[in-house]
């Protein structure tokens, strides 16, 4: 029987965060950790819930690592990385407007 999210320990929320940093979606995380998949999907959309915070925090941590790699490669002269970096800058400016 799948575990409910209110039964999870800090270590299990850390696992959620880690798996999200590897870009697994809530349903996949639920399967791997034997959690209620519907509850995980629902909670991933509720800002401020413990699952939302762990999941989205982990997802952003993963994105940070990817972006750091892109910027490092762009600075080293990688044309594809420079193109991706410029696209990231453009999208960032659009979101701020």
Protein backbone atom coordinates (compact mmCIF):
# COMPACT_ATOMS: atom_id res chain seq x y z
CA UNK A 1 0.00 0.00 0.00
CA UNK A 2 1.42 3.42 -0.95
CA UNK A 3 2.54 5.78 1.80
CA UNK A 4 0.73 9.06 2.38
CA UNK A 5 2.82 12.20 2.19
CA UNK A 6 2.02 13.18 5.77
CA UNK A 7 3.88 10.02 6.90
CA UNK A 8 7.20 10.97 5.30
CA UNK A 9 10.43 11.67 7.16
CA UNK A 10 12.89 14.46 6.39
CA UNK A 11 15.11 11.85 4.70
CA UNK A 12 12.28 10.85 2.38
CA UNK A 13 11.63 14.49 1.46
CA UNK A 14 15.37 14.75 0.75
CA UNK A 15 15.00 11.77 -1.62
CA UNK A 16 12.12 13.55 -3.37
CA UNK A 17 14.29 16.64 -3.76
CA UNK A 18 17.19 14.59 -5.14
CA UNK A 19 15.01 12.73 -7.65
CA UNK A 20 13.41 15.99 -8.77
CA UNK A 21 16.91 17.43 -9.31
CA UNK A 22 17.36 14.62 -11.84
CA UNK A 23 14.15 15.78 -13.57
CA UNK A 24 11.88 12.91 -12.61
CA UNK A 25 8.21 13.93 -12.58
CA UNK A 26 5.99 13.54 -9.49
CA UNK A 27 4.35 10.34 -10.78
CA UNK A 28 7.73 8.69 -11.35
CA UNK A 29 8.94 9.75 -7.91
CA UNK A 30 5.78 8.29 -6.39
CA UNK A 31 6.43 4.95 -8.08
CA UNK A 32 10.08 4.83 -7.02
CA UNK A 33 9.35 5.75 -3.39
CA UNK A 34 6.09 3.79 -3.17
CA UNK A 35 3.99 6.89 -2.55
CA UNK A 36 0.42 7.68 -3.54
CA UNK A 37 0.86 8.97 -7.09
CA UNK A 38 -2.35 11.00 -7.19
CA UNK A 39 -1.43 12.71 -3.92
CA UNK A 40 2.07 13.51 -5.21
CA UNK A 41 0.73 15.00 -8.43
CA UNK A 42 -1.86 17.05 -6.53
CA UNK A 43 0.61 18.27 -3.88
CA UNK A 44 3.17 19.22 -6.53
CA UNK A 45 0.73 21.96 -7.59
CA UNK A 46 -0.04 23.35 -4.11
CA UNK A 47 2.43 26.14 -3.36
CA UNK A 48 3.92 25.84 0.10
CA UNK A 49 3.09 22.16 0.64
CA UNK A 50 6.05 20.05 1.81
CA UNK A 51 5.97 17.99 -1.41
CA UNK A 52 5.78 21.16 -3.56
CA UNK A 53 8.77 22.65 -1.75
CA UNK A 54 10.86 19.47 -1.97
CA UNK A 55 9.92 18.74 -5.58
CA UNK A 56 10.32 22.23 -7.03
CA UNK A 57 13.38 22.99 -4.89
CA UNK A 58 15.04 19.87 -6.27
CA UNK A 59 13.97 20.64 -9.83
CA UNK A 60 15.49 24.11 -9.58
CA UNK A 61 18.70 22.68 -8.07
CA UNK A 62 18.99 20.40 -11.09
CA UNK A 63 18.37 23.31 -13.44
CA UNK A 64 21.04 25.36 -11.66
CA UNK A 65 23.63 22.62 -12.31
CA UNK A 66 22.67 22.39 -15.97
CA UNK A 67 22.82 26.16 -16.42
CA UNK A 68 26.18 26.35 -14.66
CA UNK A 69 27.51 23.78 -17.11
CA UNK A 70 26.12 25.71 -20.07
CA UNK A 71 27.66 28.99 -18.89
CA UNK A 72 31.01 27.31 -18.20
CA UNK A 73 31.05 25.77 -21.68
CA UNK A 74 29.90 29.05 -23.28
CA UNK A 75 32.74 30.95 -21.58
CA UNK A 76 35.15 28.29 -22.85
CA UNK A 77 34.05 29.04 -26.41
CA UNK A 78 31.42 26.39 -27.15
CA UNK A 79 29.22 27.88 -29.87
CA UNK A 80 26.21 25.62 -29.07
CA UNK A 81 26.50 26.52 -25.37
CA UNK A 82 26.77 30.22 -26.25
CA UNK A 83 23.56 29.95 -28.29
CA UNK A 84 21.77 28.23 -25.40
CA UNK A 85 23.11 30.79 -22.91
CA UNK A 86 21.92 33.69 -25.06
CA UNK A 87 18.48 32.05 -25.29
CA UNK A 88 18.40 31.69 -21.49
CA UNK A 89 19.29 35.37 -21.11
CA UNK A 90 16.60 36.40 -23.59
CA UNK A 91 13.92 34.28 -21.87
CA UNK A 92 14.97 35.60 -18.47
CA UNK A 93 14.58 39.19 -19.66
CA UNK A 94 11.14 38.36 -21.09
CA UNK A 95 9.98 36.91 -17.76
CA UNK A 96 11.15 40.04 -15.94
CA UNK A 97 9.23 42.40 -18.25
